N, C-alpha and C. Protein backbone atom coordinates (compact mmCIF):
# COMPACT_ATOMS: atom_id res chain seq x y z
N MET A 1 0.84 -1.18 0.00
CA MET A 1 0.00 0.00 0.00
C MET A 1 0.88 1.23 0.00
N ALA A 2 1.70 1.43 1.01
CA ALA A 2 2.56 2.60 1.07
C ALA A 2 3.92 2.16 1.59
N LEU A 3 4.97 2.67 0.98
CA LEU A 3 6.32 2.31 1.39
C LEU A 3 6.64 2.93 2.74
N GLY A 4 7.00 2.11 3.68
CA GLY A 4 7.42 2.58 4.99
C GLY A 4 6.30 2.90 5.95
N ALA A 5 5.08 2.78 5.54
CA ALA A 5 3.96 3.09 6.44
C ALA A 5 3.58 1.85 7.24
N SER A 6 3.37 2.05 8.51
CA SER A 6 2.95 0.93 9.34
C SER A 6 1.46 0.69 9.15
N ALA A 7 1.02 -0.47 9.60
CA ALA A 7 -0.40 -0.81 9.47
C ALA A 7 -1.27 0.17 10.26
N GLY A 8 -0.78 0.61 11.41
CA GLY A 8 -1.54 1.56 12.22
C GLY A 8 -1.69 2.91 11.54
N LYS A 9 -0.63 3.37 10.85
CA LYS A 9 -0.73 4.65 10.14
C LYS A 9 -1.69 4.56 8.97
N ILE A 10 -1.67 3.45 8.27
CA ILE A 10 -2.59 3.27 7.14
C ILE A 10 -4.02 3.20 7.64
N LEU A 11 -4.25 2.47 8.72
CA LEU A 11 -5.59 2.39 9.30
C LEU A 11 -6.06 3.77 9.75
N GLY A 12 -5.18 4.53 10.38
CA GLY A 12 -5.53 5.88 10.80
C GLY A 12 -5.85 6.79 9.62
N MET A 13 -5.10 6.63 8.53
CA MET A 13 -5.35 7.45 7.35
C MET A 13 -6.71 7.12 6.74
N ILE A 14 -7.01 5.84 6.64
CA ILE A 14 -8.29 5.42 6.06
C ILE A 14 -9.45 5.90 6.93
N LEU A 15 -9.32 5.73 8.24
CA LEU A 15 -10.39 6.17 9.15
C LEU A 15 -10.54 7.68 9.13
N GLY A 16 -9.43 8.39 9.10
CA GLY A 16 -9.49 9.85 9.08
C GLY A 16 -10.16 10.39 7.83
N GLN A 17 -9.81 9.84 6.68
CA GLN A 17 -10.41 10.30 5.43
C GLN A 17 -11.85 9.84 5.30
N GLY A 18 -12.16 8.69 5.84
CA GLY A 18 -13.53 8.19 5.74
C GLY A 18 -14.49 8.87 6.69
N LEU A 19 -14.00 9.25 7.87
CA LEU A 19 -14.87 9.87 8.86
C LEU A 19 -14.97 11.38 8.70
N GLY A 20 -14.16 11.95 7.84
CA GLY A 20 -14.23 13.38 7.62
C GLY A 20 -15.61 13.88 7.24
N PRO A 21 -16.31 13.25 6.32
CA PRO A 21 -17.64 13.72 5.94
C PRO A 21 -18.77 13.28 6.87
N VAL A 22 -18.52 12.39 7.82
CA VAL A 22 -19.60 11.84 8.64
C VAL A 22 -20.22 12.90 9.55
N ILE A 23 -19.42 13.60 10.32
CA ILE A 23 -19.97 14.58 11.26
C ILE A 23 -20.58 15.77 10.54
N PRO A 24 -19.90 16.37 9.54
CA PRO A 24 -20.59 17.47 8.82
C PRO A 24 -21.86 16.99 8.11
N GLY A 25 -21.86 15.77 7.61
CA GLY A 25 -23.06 15.24 6.97
C GLY A 25 -24.20 15.05 7.94
N ALA A 26 -23.89 14.57 9.14
CA ALA A 26 -24.92 14.41 10.16
C ALA A 26 -25.47 15.77 10.59
N MET A 27 -24.58 16.74 10.73
CA MET A 27 -25.04 18.09 11.11
C MET A 27 -25.90 18.70 10.00
N ALA A 28 -25.50 18.52 8.75
CA ALA A 28 -26.29 19.05 7.63
C ALA A 28 -27.64 18.35 7.54
N GLY A 29 -27.66 17.06 7.82
CA GLY A 29 -28.92 16.33 7.79
C GLY A 29 -29.89 16.78 8.86
N VAL A 30 -29.40 17.00 10.06
CA VAL A 30 -30.27 17.47 11.14
C VAL A 30 -30.75 18.88 10.84
N ALA A 31 -29.85 19.73 10.35
CA ALA A 31 -30.25 21.11 10.04
C ALA A 31 -31.29 21.15 8.92
N SER A 32 -31.09 20.34 7.88
CA SER A 32 -32.07 20.34 6.79
C SER A 32 -33.40 19.72 7.22
N SER A 33 -33.35 18.76 8.12
CA SER A 33 -34.62 18.18 8.59
C SER A 33 -35.40 19.18 9.42
N PHE A 34 -34.69 20.00 10.20
CA PHE A 34 -35.39 21.06 10.93
C PHE A 34 -35.95 22.10 9.98
N ALA A 35 -35.21 22.39 8.89
CA ALA A 35 -35.68 23.38 7.92
C ALA A 35 -36.90 22.88 7.14
N LEU A 36 -36.95 21.57 6.90
CA LEU A 36 -38.06 20.99 6.13
C LEU A 36 -39.21 20.50 7.02
N MET A 37 -39.15 20.80 8.29
CA MET A 37 -40.18 20.33 9.22
C MET A 37 -41.59 20.78 8.84
N PRO A 38 -41.81 22.03 8.40
CA PRO A 38 -43.18 22.41 8.02
C PRO A 38 -43.73 21.58 6.86
N LEU A 39 -42.89 21.25 5.91
CA LEU A 39 -43.32 20.41 4.79
C LEU A 39 -43.64 19.00 5.27
N MET A 40 -42.81 18.47 6.15
CA MET A 40 -43.02 17.12 6.63
C MET A 40 -44.29 17.00 7.48
N GLN A 41 -44.69 18.09 8.15
CA GLN A 41 -45.91 18.03 8.95
C GLN A 41 -47.14 17.83 8.08
N THR A 42 -47.07 18.28 6.83
CA THR A 42 -48.21 18.06 5.93
C THR A 42 -48.22 16.64 5.37
N LEU A 43 -47.09 15.95 5.40
CA LEU A 43 -47.00 14.61 4.83
C LEU A 43 -47.18 13.50 5.85
N LEU A 44 -46.92 13.79 7.12
CA LEU A 44 -46.99 12.76 8.16
C LEU A 44 -48.37 12.76 8.81
N PHE A 45 -48.90 11.57 9.02
CA PHE A 45 -50.20 11.42 9.66
C PHE A 45 -50.03 10.62 10.94
N GLY A 46 -50.37 11.23 12.06
CA GLY A 46 -50.28 10.53 13.34
C GLY A 46 -48.88 10.47 13.92
N VAL A 47 -47.91 11.17 13.32
CA VAL A 47 -46.54 11.17 13.80
C VAL A 47 -46.10 12.62 13.93
N GLU A 48 -45.48 12.95 15.04
CA GLU A 48 -44.96 14.30 15.22
C GLU A 48 -43.66 14.45 14.43
N SER A 49 -43.50 15.55 13.73
CA SER A 49 -42.29 15.74 12.92
C SER A 49 -41.13 16.28 13.74
N ASP A 50 -41.39 16.78 14.92
CA ASP A 50 -40.31 17.33 15.74
C ASP A 50 -40.03 16.46 16.96
N ASP A 51 -40.07 15.17 16.79
CA ASP A 51 -39.83 14.23 17.87
C ASP A 51 -38.34 14.19 18.21
N PRO A 52 -37.94 14.67 19.39
CA PRO A 52 -36.51 14.70 19.73
C PRO A 52 -35.91 13.30 19.87
N LEU A 53 -36.71 12.33 20.29
CA LEU A 53 -36.20 10.97 20.41
C LEU A 53 -35.82 10.42 19.04
N ALA A 54 -36.63 10.70 18.04
CA ALA A 54 -36.32 10.23 16.69
C ALA A 54 -35.06 10.90 16.15
N PHE A 55 -34.95 12.22 16.34
CA PHE A 55 -33.75 12.92 15.88
C PHE A 55 -32.50 12.39 16.57
N GLY A 56 -32.56 12.20 17.86
CA GLY A 56 -31.41 11.71 18.61
C GLY A 56 -31.04 10.29 18.26
N THR A 57 -32.04 9.43 18.11
CA THR A 57 -31.77 8.03 17.80
C THR A 57 -31.15 7.88 16.42
N ILE A 58 -31.71 8.54 15.43
CA ILE A 58 -31.19 8.42 14.07
C ILE A 58 -29.80 9.03 13.97
N SER A 59 -29.59 10.17 14.62
CA SER A 59 -28.26 10.79 14.59
C SER A 59 -27.22 9.90 15.26
N ALA A 60 -27.56 9.34 16.41
CA ALA A 60 -26.63 8.44 17.10
C ALA A 60 -26.35 7.19 16.27
N PHE A 61 -27.38 6.65 15.63
CA PHE A 61 -27.18 5.47 14.80
C PHE A 61 -26.24 5.76 13.64
N LEU A 62 -26.43 6.89 12.98
CA LEU A 62 -25.57 7.23 11.85
C LEU A 62 -24.14 7.53 12.30
N LEU A 63 -23.99 8.13 13.47
CA LEU A 63 -22.65 8.40 13.98
C LEU A 63 -21.95 7.13 14.47
N LEU A 64 -22.69 6.07 14.71
CA LEU A 64 -22.09 4.78 15.05
C LEU A 64 -21.80 3.94 13.81
N VAL A 65 -22.66 4.03 12.82
CA VAL A 65 -22.49 3.25 11.60
C VAL A 65 -21.36 3.81 10.74
N GLY A 66 -21.17 5.12 10.75
CA GLY A 66 -20.12 5.75 9.95
C GLY A 66 -18.73 5.20 10.26
N PRO A 67 -18.31 5.22 11.53
CA PRO A 67 -16.99 4.65 11.85
C PRO A 67 -16.90 3.16 11.55
N LEU A 68 -17.98 2.45 11.77
CA LEU A 68 -17.97 1.02 11.49
C LEU A 68 -17.81 0.75 9.99
N ALA A 69 -18.46 1.58 9.18
CA ALA A 69 -18.36 1.42 7.73
C ALA A 69 -16.97 1.76 7.23
N CYS A 70 -16.22 2.54 7.96
CA CYS A 70 -14.84 2.85 7.58
C CYS A 70 -13.87 1.81 8.15
N TYR A 71 -14.15 1.33 9.34
CA TYR A 71 -13.23 0.45 10.01
C TYR A 71 -13.19 -0.96 9.42
N LEU A 72 -14.35 -1.50 9.09
CA LEU A 72 -14.39 -2.88 8.58
C LEU A 72 -13.63 -3.04 7.25
N PRO A 73 -13.80 -2.17 6.27
CA PRO A 73 -12.98 -2.31 5.06
C PRO A 73 -11.50 -2.04 5.31
N ALA A 74 -11.20 -1.19 6.29
CA ALA A 74 -9.80 -0.89 6.58
C ALA A 74 -9.10 -2.10 7.18
N LEU A 75 -9.83 -2.98 7.83
CA LEU A 75 -9.22 -4.20 8.38
C LEU A 75 -8.76 -5.14 7.28
N CYS A 76 -9.39 -5.07 6.14
CA CYS A 76 -9.04 -5.97 5.03
C CYS A 76 -7.78 -5.53 4.31
N MET A 77 -7.29 -4.36 4.58
CA MET A 77 -6.09 -3.86 3.89
C MET A 77 -4.86 -4.58 4.34
């Protein structure tokens, strides 16, 4: 893969480049969902569009899946 690079440095490089878009993407997703909340209230029936539990659960899930999606392929290197 790289001359003179240890396995730990390569793993760190892959994780660093892979996780770079995860946090800004999660923040942009939450911000856009709050911006589109009035539209979603017209489309949802029987569900509150501003449910904090849903926002927190989905955000936490995505922030856990992002590192896992970077780490598992990096182990195969």
